[in-house]
N, C-alpha and C. Protein backbone atom coordinates (compact mmCIF):
# COMPACT_ATOMS: atom_id res chain seq x y z
N MET A 1 -22.86 38.27 3.61
CA MET A 1 -23.08 36.89 2.60
C MET A 1 -23.91 36.25 2.79
N ASP A 2 -24.14 35.85 1.64
CA ASP A 2 -25.13 34.85 0.86
C ASP A 2 -24.66 33.21 1.44
N ILE A 3 -25.93 32.45 1.66
CA ILE A 3 -25.88 31.10 2.36
C ILE A 3 -24.82 30.70 1.24
N ARG A 4 -25.15 30.54 -0.03
CA ARG A 4 -24.14 29.84 -0.97
C ARG A 4 -22.73 29.86 -0.65
N THR A 5 -22.30 31.17 -0.23
CA THR A 5 -21.13 31.56 0.16
C THR A 5 -20.48 30.83 1.50
N LEU A 6 -21.40 30.87 2.27
CA LEU A 6 -21.00 30.20 3.68
C LEU A 6 -21.05 28.61 3.35
N VAL A 7 -21.85 28.20 2.48
CA VAL A 7 -21.76 26.99 2.27
C VAL A 7 -20.33 26.44 1.61
N ASP A 8 -19.79 27.42 0.52
CA ASP A 8 -18.52 27.15 0.36
C ASP A 8 -17.47 27.49 1.30
N ILE A 9 -17.90 28.20 2.23
CA ILE A 9 -16.63 28.13 2.84
C ILE A 9 -16.32 27.15 4.09
N ALA A 10 -17.73 26.63 4.04
CA ALA A 10 -17.70 25.35 5.43
C ALA A 10 -17.31 23.85 4.53
N ILE A 11 -17.54 23.97 3.18
CA ILE A 11 -16.79 23.14 2.17
C ILE A 11 -15.43 23.17 2.39
N ASP A 12 -15.05 24.46 1.94
CA ASP A 12 -13.07 24.70 2.21
C ASP A 12 -12.84 24.43 3.05
N GLU A 13 -13.46 24.90 4.46
CA GLU A 13 -12.30 24.00 5.59
C GLU A 13 -12.68 22.77 6.32
N ASP A 14 -13.87 22.00 5.65
CA ASP A 14 -13.29 20.69 6.11
C ASP A 14 -13.73 19.79 4.69
N PRO A 15 -12.86 19.85 3.51
CA PRO A 15 -13.14 19.36 2.40
C PRO A 15 -13.22 17.41 2.19
N ARG A 16 -13.04 16.85 3.07
CA ARG A 16 -12.98 15.51 3.53
C ARG A 16 -14.43 15.13 4.12
N ALA A 17 -15.31 15.96 4.79
CA ALA A 17 -16.65 15.45 5.00
C ALA A 17 -17.44 15.57 3.90
N PRO A 18 -17.92 14.36 3.92
CA PRO A 18 -19.09 13.94 2.80
C PRO A 18 -20.42 14.43 2.92
N CYS A 19 -20.84 14.87 3.84
CA CYS A 19 -22.02 15.86 3.94
C CYS A 19 -21.88 17.00 4.67
N LEU A 20 -23.21 17.91 4.29
CA LEU A 20 -23.34 18.93 5.05
C LEU A 20 -24.52 19.48 5.44
N TRP A 21 -24.96 20.11 6.55
CA TRP A 21 -26.36 20.66 6.89
C TRP A 21 -26.52 21.86 6.60
N VAL A 22 -27.77 22.69 5.73
CA VAL A 22 -27.93 23.93 5.99
C VAL A 22 -29.40 24.31 6.87
N PRO A 23 -29.23 25.47 7.89
CA PRO A 23 -30.33 25.70 8.27
C PRO A 23 -31.78 25.89 7.80
N SER A 24 -32.91 25.52 8.14
CA SER A 24 -33.76 25.41 7.33
C SER A 24 -34.22 26.47 6.94
N GLU A 25 -34.22 27.83 7.57
CA GLU A 25 -34.10 29.14 7.13
C GLU A 25 -33.86 29.20 5.57
N ALA A 26 -32.43 29.04 5.55
CA ALA A 26 -31.74 29.12 4.53
C ALA A 26 -31.51 28.37 3.39
N TRP A 27 -32.43 27.30 3.43
CA TRP A 27 -32.88 26.11 2.86
C TRP A 27 -33.05 26.59 1.65
N PRO A 28 -34.51 26.95 1.52
CA PRO A 28 -34.85 27.60 -0.11
C PRO A 28 -33.95 28.40 -0.95
N GLU A 29 -33.52 29.44 -0.23
CA GLU A 29 -32.51 30.08 -0.84
C GLU A 29 -31.55 29.42 -1.35
N PHE A 30 -30.76 28.78 -0.34
CA PHE A 30 -29.32 27.73 -1.27
C PHE A 30 -29.91 26.78 -2.36
N CYS A 31 -31.03 26.35 -2.22
CA CYS A 31 -31.72 25.62 -3.46
C CYS A 31 -31.34 26.85 -4.80
N ALA A 32 -32.38 27.72 -4.32
CA ALA A 32 -32.34 28.46 -5.53
C ALA A 32 -31.01 29.00 -5.89
N ALA A 33 -30.12 29.21 -5.32
CA ALA A 33 -28.90 29.84 -5.41
C ALA A 33 -28.15 28.91 -6.39
N ILE A 34 -28.47 27.52 -6.06
CA ILE A 34 -27.41 26.68 -7.05
C ILE A 34 -28.07 25.97 -7.91
N ARG A 35 -29.55 26.55 -8.22
CA ARG A 35 -30.51 26.16 -9.34
C ARG A 35 -30.74 24.81 -9.16
N ARG A 36 -30.99 23.99 -8.02
CA ARG A 36 -31.26 22.40 -7.95
C ARG A 36 -32.76 22.24 -6.64
N ARG A 37 -32.95 21.38 -6.89
CA ARG A 37 -34.23 20.94 -6.08
C ARG A 37 -33.96 19.73 -5.47
N PRO A 38 -34.51 19.46 -4.22
CA PRO A 38 -33.72 18.28 -3.31
C PRO A 38 -34.32 16.89 -3.80
N ASN A 39 -33.71 15.87 -3.94
CA ASN A 39 -34.15 15.18 -4.16
C ASN A 39 -35.43 14.10 -3.59
N LEU A 40 -35.34 12.84 -3.67
CA LEU A 40 -37.00 12.51 -3.06
C LEU A 40 -36.36 12.12 -1.48
N ILE A 41 -35.18 12.16 -1.15
CA ILE A 41 -35.03 11.92 0.50
C ILE A 41 -34.55 13.44 1.26
N GLY A 42 -35.04 14.41 0.20
CA GLY A 42 -34.29 16.33 0.82
C GLY A 42 -33.06 16.42 0.67
N ALA A 43 -32.42 15.70 -0.03
CA ALA A 43 -30.51 16.05 -0.05
C ALA A 43 -30.44 16.57 -1.83
N VAL A 44 -29.53 17.64 -1.85
CA VAL A 44 -28.86 18.35 -3.33
C VAL A 44 -27.52 17.57 -2.98
N ILE A 45 -26.99 17.92 -4.30
CA ILE A 45 -25.10 17.56 -4.38
C ILE A 45 -24.87 18.83 -4.84
N TYR A 46 -24.11 19.09 -3.95
CA TYR A 46 -23.11 20.48 -4.39
C TYR A 46 -22.15 20.29 -4.19
N ARG A 47 -21.25 20.31 -5.32
CA ARG A 47 -19.35 20.49 -4.82
C ARG A 47 -19.11 18.93 -4.31
N ASP A 48 -19.80 18.08 -4.93
CA ASP A 48 -19.46 16.24 -4.74
C ASP A 48 -20.11 16.24 -2.92
N LYS A 49 -20.84 16.89 -2.38
CA LYS A 49 -21.42 16.80 -1.01
C LYS A 49 -22.96 16.68 -0.98
N THR A 50 -23.33 15.77 -0.30
CA THR A 50 -24.69 15.61 0.24
C THR A 50 -24.84 16.72 1.00
N VAL A 51 -25.93 17.55 0.60
CA VAL A 51 -26.53 18.94 1.85
C VAL A 51 -27.48 18.54 1.82
N ARG A 52 -28.13 18.51 3.05
CA ARG A 52 -29.48 18.80 3.48
C ARG A 52 -30.09 19.88 4.51
N ASP A 53 -31.30 20.05 4.38
CA ASP A 53 -31.64 20.73 5.61
C ASP A 53 -31.48 20.44 6.83
N GLY A 54 -30.73 21.21 7.50
CA GLY A 54 -30.60 21.01 9.01
C GLY A 54 -31.52 21.05 10.06
N GLY A 55 -32.43 21.73 9.55
CA GLY A 55 -33.57 22.07 10.69
C GLY A 55 -33.53 23.29 11.33
N PRO A 56 -34.35 23.56 11.87
CA PRO A 56 -34.52 25.51 12.24
C PRO A 56 -33.34 25.28 13.03
N ALA A 57 -33.03 26.98 13.14
CA ALA A 57 -32.24 27.66 14.30
C ALA A 57 -30.41 26.36 14.51
N THR A 58 -30.58 26.28 13.00
CA THR A 58 -29.29 25.31 13.21
C THR A 58 -27.80 26.38 12.42
N ASP A 59 -26.83 25.66 13.20
CA ASP A 59 -25.46 26.38 11.81
C ASP A 59 -25.47 25.58 11.01
N ILE A 60 -24.49 26.31 9.67
CA ILE A 60 -23.92 24.94 9.02
C ILE A 60 -23.21 24.40 9.72
N VAL A 61 -23.23 22.81 9.30
CA VAL A 61 -22.79 21.70 9.88
C VAL A 61 -21.63 20.89 8.65
N THR A 62 -20.65 20.49 8.73
CA THR A 62 -20.73 19.48 8.12
C THR A 62 -20.57 17.89 8.82
N GLY A 63 -20.36 17.32 7.90
CA GLY A 63 -20.35 15.89 8.38
C GLY A 63 -19.45 15.41 9.44
N SER A 64 -18.31 16.21 9.52
CA SER A 64 -17.04 15.75 10.48
C SER A 64 -17.50 16.41 11.98
N GLN A 65 -18.40 17.36 11.66
CA GLN A 65 -18.88 18.25 13.07
C GLN A 65 -19.65 17.66 13.54
N GLN A 66 -20.87 16.52 12.85
CA GLN A 66 -21.82 16.19 13.47
C GLN A 66 -21.78 15.47 14.89
N GLY A 67 -22.38 16.08 15.96
CA GLY A 67 -22.54 15.33 16.91
C GLY A 67 -21.18 15.82 17.78
N TRP A 68 -20.80 16.70 17.13
CA TRP A 68 -19.39 17.38 18.20
C TRP A 68 -20.24 18.03 19.09
N ARG A 69 -19.47 18.27 20.49
CA ARG A 69 -19.43 18.45 21.31
C ARG A 69 -18.68 19.35 22.25
N ALA A 70 -18.94 20.56 22.38
CA ALA A 70 -17.94 21.42 23.16
C ALA A 70 -17.70 20.79 24.67
């Protein structure tokens, strides 16, 4: 699956989350897929969500999962 599809799945699974983080390795591909460039603070708006670069070697994480520990 491509990164846009994975982000769509994450949004569908957690529709109330206001934001989403994408792994750094997939960030350029995601921005190209949605044909947007990050704004001055490094975020893009996609499907009414703030999407940001989540750092290297991370998973796609929604706002409600941020800081969650198993």
